[in-house]
Amino acid sequence: MVRQFAANCRRSRVHRYTFSMLKGGPTSHIYFSQRLRLHYVDWGNHDAPPLLLVHGGRDHCRNWDWVANALKSDYHIIAPDLRGHGDSQWLVGGAYTTLDYVYDIAQLLRQTGLDEVTVVGHSMGGSVSLAYTGLYPHSVRKLVSIEGMGASPLGDDSTPGHERLHEWVNSLRDLSGRTPRRYPSLEEAFHRMQRANPHLSEEQARHLTIHGSNQNEDGTYSWKFDNYMRAWSPIGISPRQTVGLYRRITCPVLLLHGVESWASDPKEDGRLDHFQDARSIGIENAGHWVHHDQLERFLEILTGFLAEPSDGGVSSGA
């Protein structure tokens, strides 16, 4: 498999990709949630404390590879492809919601038998991780959310419900007529990745492109994620319920954001006060993808936080 992968990369001019992470990399696994066939990778070291890495929207589990490589000697790391992303099945009918993603995470941890996990989530994955931890506070020892609280303070619910529903319906109709973009080569997809994420190194962009795209029958390439996940359902966890979940979190929480990102600092807008034990840190020279833009700084902050003594997320609430 490794030889064939390398040969395919050479044919598509991606031979400069670094294969160091391929050696001793993760194994792929399948689990089921709401009858969907979902994928996750496992980095081994099963006797170590469990660490769950949850990617963001339009991303995939292999975006964590640099983080996983740095931590795999100390943790048993698993990273899922959320429904509609990566190598997980797309939803047919219904909608992509935080509630469904939370259920998928709950099923993954239940089926793998992992408990008292440390969770790191990015963007949409950070939002899902916060909600999961609020729902099951006893099962999470520490939580890191990278820009998982969005751009604006909670409680700003000025748009009438019927207008949000109309926007969602119209978005779905627009997406139904949208054909996933096809790139003539993997190299073209790589260049698109670079343009969309200027902080990425060439190695990072190639790695994310290889693992984030599929080759179509006609030889072109398209991104793996389902375009329908762009239409975020207006029905789900309300701002008031979200605050309630935050208040149920008992474990230490680290909220990270890139100083150059659009995401707001929860310390400045008051949302940090919703937590029992949380801190907020902004990382300089980083945008939305903090763990890519400033990997060494991110790992320094993350490992320091994980090394701090903690009683875990034990709670009487479940």
Protein backbone atom coordinates (compact mmCIF):
# COMPACT_ATOMS: atom_id res chain seq x y z
CA MET A 1 0.00 0.00 0.00
CA VAL A 2 2.81 2.42 0.89
CA ARG A 3 4.63 1.70 -2.39
CA GLN A 4 1.48 2.22 -4.43
CA PHE A 5 0.74 5.45 -2.57
CA ALA A 6 4.24 6.75 -3.29
CA ALA A 7 3.92 5.79 -6.96
CA ASN A 8 0.60 7.62 -7.26
CA CYS A 9 2.11 10.72 -5.69
CA ARG A 10 5.05 10.67 -8.11
CA ARG A 11 2.71 10.40 -11.09
CA SER A 12 0.70 13.39 -9.84
CA ARG A 13 3.84 15.48 -9.13
CA VAL A 14 3.37 15.31 -5.37
CA HIS A 15 6.67 13.48 -4.91
CA ARG A 16 8.02 16.22 -2.67
CA TYR A 17 5.54 15.24 0.02
CA THR A 18 7.33 14.07 3.18
CA PHE A 19 6.64 10.41 3.91
CA SER A 20 7.97 10.48 7.47
CA MET A 21 4.46 10.50 8.91
CA LEU A 22 3.40 7.59 6.71
CA LYS A 23 5.83 5.30 8.53
CA GLY A 24 4.26 4.15 11.76
CA GLY A 25 1.16 6.19 10.98
CA PRO A 26 -2.38 5.50 12.15
CA THR A 27 -4.64 2.58 11.30
CA SER A 28 -8.09 3.12 9.79
CA HIS A 29 -11.26 1.83 11.44
CA ILE A 30 -15.01 1.93 10.85
CA TYR A 31 -17.88 2.36 13.30
CA PHE A 32 -21.59 2.98 12.86
CA SER A 33 -23.81 5.77 14.18
CA GLN A 34 -27.45 6.29 13.18
CA ARG A 35 -26.81 3.70 10.46
CA LEU A 36 -24.03 5.82 8.96
CA ARG A 37 -20.68 4.20 8.21
CA LEU A 38 -18.15 6.47 9.90
CA HIS A 39 -14.35 6.40 9.82
CA TYR A 40 -11.66 7.15 12.38
CA VAL A 41 -7.93 6.62 12.72
CA ASP A 42 -6.14 5.13 15.71
CA TRP A 43 -2.50 5.98 16.47
CA GLY A 44 -1.94 2.99 18.79
CA ASN A 45 -0.30 3.03 22.23
CA HIS A 46 -3.49 1.59 23.72
CA ASP A 47 -2.21 1.48 27.30
CA ALA A 48 -1.70 5.25 27.38
CA PRO A 49 -4.34 7.83 28.41
CA PRO A 50 -6.88 8.41 25.61
CA LEU A 51 -6.82 11.60 23.55
CA LEU A 52 -9.60 12.47 21.08
CA LEU A 53 -8.90 14.92 18.23
CA VAL A 54 -11.97 16.40 16.48
CA HIS A 55 -11.52 18.29 13.20
CA GLY A 56 -13.49 21.28 11.93
CA GLY A 57 -15.92 21.80 9.07
CA ARG A 58 -14.82 20.78 5.54
CA ASP A 59 -11.74 19.18 7.09
CA HIS A 60 -10.73 15.60 7.90
CA CYS A 61 -9.07 13.52 10.58
CA ARG A 62 -5.62 13.60 8.96
CA ASN A 63 -5.35 17.34 9.53
CA TRP A 64 -4.22 16.36 13.06
CA ASP A 65 -1.25 14.27 11.90
CA TRP A 66 1.43 16.74 13.06
CA VAL A 67 -0.18 17.03 16.49
CA ALA A 68 -0.71 13.28 16.74
CA ASN A 69 2.91 12.56 15.83
CA ALA A 70 4.10 14.86 18.58
CA LEU A 71 1.86 13.27 21.24
CA LYS A 72 1.46 9.62 20.21
CA SER A 73 4.21 8.41 22.59
CA ASP A 74 2.29 9.73 25.58
CA TYR A 75 -1.34 9.18 24.53
CA HIS A 76 -3.64 6.72 22.83
CA ILE A 77 -4.90 9.02 20.07
CA ILE A 78 -8.00 8.54 17.97
CA ALA A 79 -9.29 11.04 15.42
CA PRO A 80 -12.65 10.65 13.66
CA ASP A 81 -13.86 11.85 10.30
CA LEU A 82 -17.15 13.51 11.22
CA ARG A 83 -20.20 12.51 9.17
CA GLY A 84 -20.04 14.10 5.73
CA HIS A 85 -16.27 14.55 5.97
CA GLY A 86 -13.14 12.63 5.03
CA ASP A 87 -13.80 8.91 4.60
CA SER A 88 -17.06 8.94 6.57
CA GLN A 89 -20.42 8.48 4.87
CA TRP A 90 -22.45 11.45 3.67
CA LEU A 91 -25.88 12.05 5.14
CA VAL A 92 -28.83 11.33 2.82
CA GLY A 93 -31.88 13.24 4.01
CA GLY A 94 -32.01 15.23 7.24
CA ALA A 95 -29.46 17.86 8.17
CA TYR A 96 -25.99 18.22 9.64
CA THR A 97 -26.36 19.49 13.21
CA THR A 98 -24.25 19.82 16.34
CA LEU A 99 -26.57 17.35 18.08
CA ASP A 100 -25.88 14.64 15.50
CA TYR A 101 -22.14 15.22 15.64
CA VAL A 102 -22.28 14.96 19.43
CA TYR A 103 -24.14 11.67 19.13
CA ASP A 104 -21.49 10.36 16.72
CA ILE A 105 -18.72 11.22 19.20
CA ALA A 106 -20.66 9.56 22.02
CA GLN A 107 -21.05 6.43 19.88
CA LEU A 108 -17.37 6.39 18.94
CA LEU A 109 -16.23 6.57 22.57
CA ARG A 110 -18.81 4.00 23.63
CA GLN A 111 -17.86 1.54 20.91
CA THR A 112 -14.12 1.94 21.47
CA GLY A 113 -14.59 1.63 25.24
CA LEU A 114 -12.69 4.85 25.95
CA ASP A 115 -13.49 6.90 29.03
CA GLU A 116 -11.97 9.81 30.92
CA VAL A 117 -10.66 11.17 27.64
CA THR A 118 -8.82 14.37 26.89
CA VAL A 119 -10.47 16.16 23.97
CA VAL A 120 -9.02 18.66 21.49
CA GLY A 121 -11.40 20.14 18.90
CA HIS A 122 -11.03 22.75 16.18
CA SER A 123 -13.72 25.16 14.94
CA MET A 124 -16.91 23.15 14.35
CA GLY A 125 -15.16 20.25 16.06
CA GLY A 126 -14.42 22.53 18.99
CA SER A 127 -18.09 23.42 19.23
CA VAL A 128 -19.03 19.75 19.13
CA SER A 129 -16.41 18.95 21.78
CA LEU A 130 -17.74 21.66 24.09
CA ALA A 131 -21.29 20.36 23.70
CA TYR A 132 -20.23 16.74 24.26
CA THR A 133 -18.28 17.65 27.39
CA GLY A 134 -21.24 19.59 28.77
CA LEU A 135 -23.49 16.59 28.12
CA TYR A 136 -21.04 14.05 29.60
CA PRO A 137 -18.86 16.07 32.02
CA HIS A 138 -17.83 12.95 33.93
CA SER A 139 -16.16 11.42 30.88
CA VAL A 140 -13.71 14.22 29.94
CA ARG A 141 -10.53 14.94 31.88
CA LYS A 142 -9.43 18.06 29.97
CA LEU A 143 -10.79 19.97 27.00
CA VAL A 144 -9.09 22.19 24.44
CA SER A 145 -11.27 24.10 21.99
CA ILE A 146 -9.61 25.99 19.13
CA GLU A 147 -12.05 28.68 17.99
CA GLY A 148 -15.00 26.46 18.85
CA MET A 149 -17.20 29.31 20.14
CA GLY A 150 -17.57 31.24 16.89
CA ALA A 151 -17.19 34.89 16.07
CA SER A 152 -19.89 36.61 18.10
CA PRO A 153 -21.07 36.41 21.73
CA LEU A 154 -23.76 33.93 22.63
CA GLY A 155 -27.22 35.36 23.17
CA ASP A 156 -27.24 37.41 19.96
CA ASP A 157 -30.43 35.89 18.58
CA SER A 158 -31.85 38.92 16.81
CA THR A 159 -32.72 37.14 13.55
CA PRO A 160 -36.32 35.84 13.70
CA GLY A 161 -36.66 32.07 13.61
CA HIS A 162 -38.68 32.02 10.40
CA GLU A 163 -35.97 34.02 8.61
CA ARG A 164 -33.27 31.56 9.70
CA LEU A 165 -35.42 28.69 8.46
CA HIS A 166 -35.95 30.43 5.12
CA GLU A 167 -32.19 30.97 4.78
CA TRP A 168 -31.57 27.30 5.49
CA VAL A 169 -34.17 26.12 2.93
CA ASN A 170 -32.79 28.48 0.30
CA SER A 171 -29.23 27.36 1.02
CA LEU A 172 -30.18 23.71 0.56
CA ARG A 173 -31.90 24.49 -2.72
CA ASP A 174 -28.82 26.32 -3.96
CA LEU A 175 -26.57 23.44 -2.91
CA SER A 176 -28.79 20.91 -4.68
CA GLY A 177 -27.80 22.50 -7.97
CA ARG A 178 -24.15 22.89 -7.10
CA THR A 179 -21.68 20.44 -8.62
CA PRO A 180 -18.60 19.71 -6.49
CA ARG A 181 -15.60 21.43 -8.03
CA ARG A 182 -13.30 19.17 -10.03
CA TYR A 183 -9.58 19.83 -10.30
CA PRO A 184 -7.75 18.47 -13.35
CA SER A 185 -4.89 17.19 -11.17
CA LEU A 186 -3.88 16.74 -7.56
CA GLU A 187 -1.38 19.51 -8.14
CA GLU A 188 -4.19 21.95 -9.00
CA ALA A 189 -6.05 20.97 -5.82
CA PHE A 190 -2.84 21.51 -3.86
CA HIS A 191 -2.49 25.04 -5.24
CA ARG A 192 -6.11 25.75 -4.28
CA MET A 193 -5.31 24.60 -0.74
CA GLN A 194 -2.32 26.94 -0.62
CA ARG A 195 -4.38 29.92 -1.79
CA ALA A 196 -7.09 29.23 0.80
CA ASN A 197 -4.61 28.80 3.67
CA PRO A 198 -1.62 31.12 3.15
CA HIS A 199 -0.07 30.20 6.52
CA LEU A 200 0.39 26.56 5.46
CA SER A 201 3.81 25.29 4.53
CA GLU A 202 4.14 23.43 1.25
CA GLU A 203 4.41 20.11 3.10
CA GLN A 204 1.29 20.83 5.13
CA ALA A 205 -0.72 21.86 2.08
CA ARG A 206 0.28 18.74 0.14
CA HIS A 207 -0.48 16.44 3.06
CA LEU A 208 -3.92 17.97 3.62
CA THR A 209 -4.69 17.84 -0.10
CA ILE A 210 -3.72 14.18 -0.47
CA HIS A 211 -5.83 13.08 2.48
CA GLY A 212 -8.67 15.51 1.82
CA SER A 213 -9.46 14.66 -1.81
CA ASN A 214 -10.75 11.77 -3.90
CA GLN A 215 -10.06 10.98 -7.53
CA ASN A 216 -13.19 10.95 -9.66
CA GLU A 217 -13.94 8.39 -12.36
CA ASP A 218 -12.83 10.80 -15.08
CA GLY A 219 -9.42 11.27 -13.42
CA THR A 220 -10.15 14.67 -11.85
CA TYR A 221 -10.04 15.36 -8.11
CA SER A 222 -12.67 16.70 -5.70
CA TRP A 223 -12.68 17.43 -1.98
CA LYS A 224 -14.08 14.65 0.19
CA PHE A 225 -16.53 16.70 2.27
CA ASP A 226 -20.24 16.89 1.48
CA ASN A 227 -21.26 20.33 0.20
CA TYR A 228 -24.59 19.96 2.00
CA MET A 229 -22.84 20.43 5.34
CA ARG A 230 -22.41 24.10 4.36
CA ALA A 231 -26.14 24.59 5.08
CA TRP A 232 -26.04 24.59 8.85
CA SER A 233 -29.42 23.69 10.29
CA PRO A 234 -31.09 26.45 12.35
CA ILE A 235 -32.70 23.77 14.51
CA GLY A 236 -30.53 22.45 17.30
CA ILE A 237 -29.00 23.66 20.55
CA SER A 238 -30.19 27.18 21.40
CA PRO A 239 -27.82 29.86 22.79
CA ARG A 240 -29.41 29.46 26.22
CA GLN A 241 -28.97 25.67 26.11
CA THR A 242 -25.39 26.10 24.93
CA VAL A 243 -24.58 28.28 27.94
CA GLY A 244 -26.19 25.64 30.14
CA LEU A 245 -23.89 22.99 28.69
CA TYR A 246 -20.84 25.19 29.23
CA ARG A 247 -21.77 25.61 32.88
CA ARG A 248 -21.96 21.82 33.35
CA ILE A 249 -18.32 21.34 32.27
CA THR A 250 -16.25 20.50 35.33
CA CYS A 251 -12.86 19.73 33.80
CA PRO A 252 -10.19 22.34 33.01
CA VAL A 253 -10.90 24.05 29.67
CA LEU A 254 -8.42 25.80 27.37
CA LEU A 255 -9.90 28.10 24.73
CA LEU A 256 -7.49 29.06 21.94
CA HIS A 257 -7.85 31.53 19.09
CA GLY A 258 -5.61 33.02 16.42
CA VAL A 259 -5.00 36.74 16.82
CA GLU A 260 -5.35 37.16 13.03
CA SER A 261 -8.59 35.17 12.91
CA TRP A 262 -12.18 36.39 12.75
CA ALA A 263 -13.01 34.53 15.98
CA SER A 264 -13.54 36.69 19.05
CA ASP A 265 -11.76 36.27 22.38
CA PRO A 266 -14.22 34.73 24.88
CA LYS A 267 -12.35 36.50 27.67
CA GLU A 268 -13.23 39.90 26.18
CA ASP A 269 -16.87 39.23 25.27
CA GLY A 270 -17.77 37.60 28.59
CA ARG A 271 -18.25 34.01 27.44
CA LEU A 272 -15.33 32.80 29.53
CA ASP A 273 -17.50 33.40 32.59
CA HIS A 274 -19.82 30.57 31.53
CA PHE A 275 -17.19 28.00 32.57
CA GLN A 276 -16.18 26.73 35.98
CA ASP A 277 -12.48 26.39 35.15
CA ALA A 278 -11.36 27.92 31.85
CA ARG A 279 -8.74 30.18 30.38
CA SER A 280 -8.41 31.88 27.00
CA ILE A 281 -5.20 32.36 25.03
CA GLY A 282 -4.64 34.20 21.75
CA ILE A 283 -1.78 33.02 19.53
CA GLU A 284 0.11 35.62 17.52
CA ASN A 285 0.72 35.25 13.77
CA ALA A 286 -2.05 32.66 13.51
CA GLY A 287 -5.40 32.65 11.78
CA HIS A 288 -8.29 30.22 12.18
CA TRP A 289 -6.10 27.09 11.87
CA VAL A 290 -3.93 27.76 14.93
CA HIS A 291 -2.56 24.21 15.07
CA HIS A 292 -1.28 24.57 11.51
CA ASP A 293 -0.25 28.21 11.47
CA GLN A 294 1.85 28.08 14.65
CA LEU A 295 2.37 24.37 15.29
CA GLU A 296 5.34 24.66 17.66
CA ARG A 297 3.69 27.36 19.76
CA PHE A 298 0.43 25.43 19.80
CA LEU A 299 2.18 22.24 20.96
CA GLU A 300 4.05 24.18 23.63
CA ILE A 301 0.79 25.58 25.05
CA LEU A 302 -1.08 22.28 24.64
CA THR A 303 1.52 20.06 26.30
CA GLY A 304 1.89 22.54 29.15
CA PHE A 305 -1.85 22.51 29.74
CA LEU A 306 -2.08 18.72 29.56
CA ALA A 307 0.80 18.33 32.02
CA GLU A 308 -0.94 20.37 34.72
CA PRO A 309 -2.38 18.33 37.62
CA SER A 310 -6.10 17.68 37.31
CA ASP A 311 -8.75 15.70 39.12
CA GLY A 312 -10.46 15.09 35.79
CA GLY A 313 -14.01 15.83 34.79
CA VAL A 314 -15.74 13.82 37.49
CA SER A 315 -19.23 15.17 38.05
CA SER A 316 -22.43 14.08 39.69
CA GLY A 317 -24.30 15.21 36.59
CA ALA A 318 -24.51 12.91 33.56
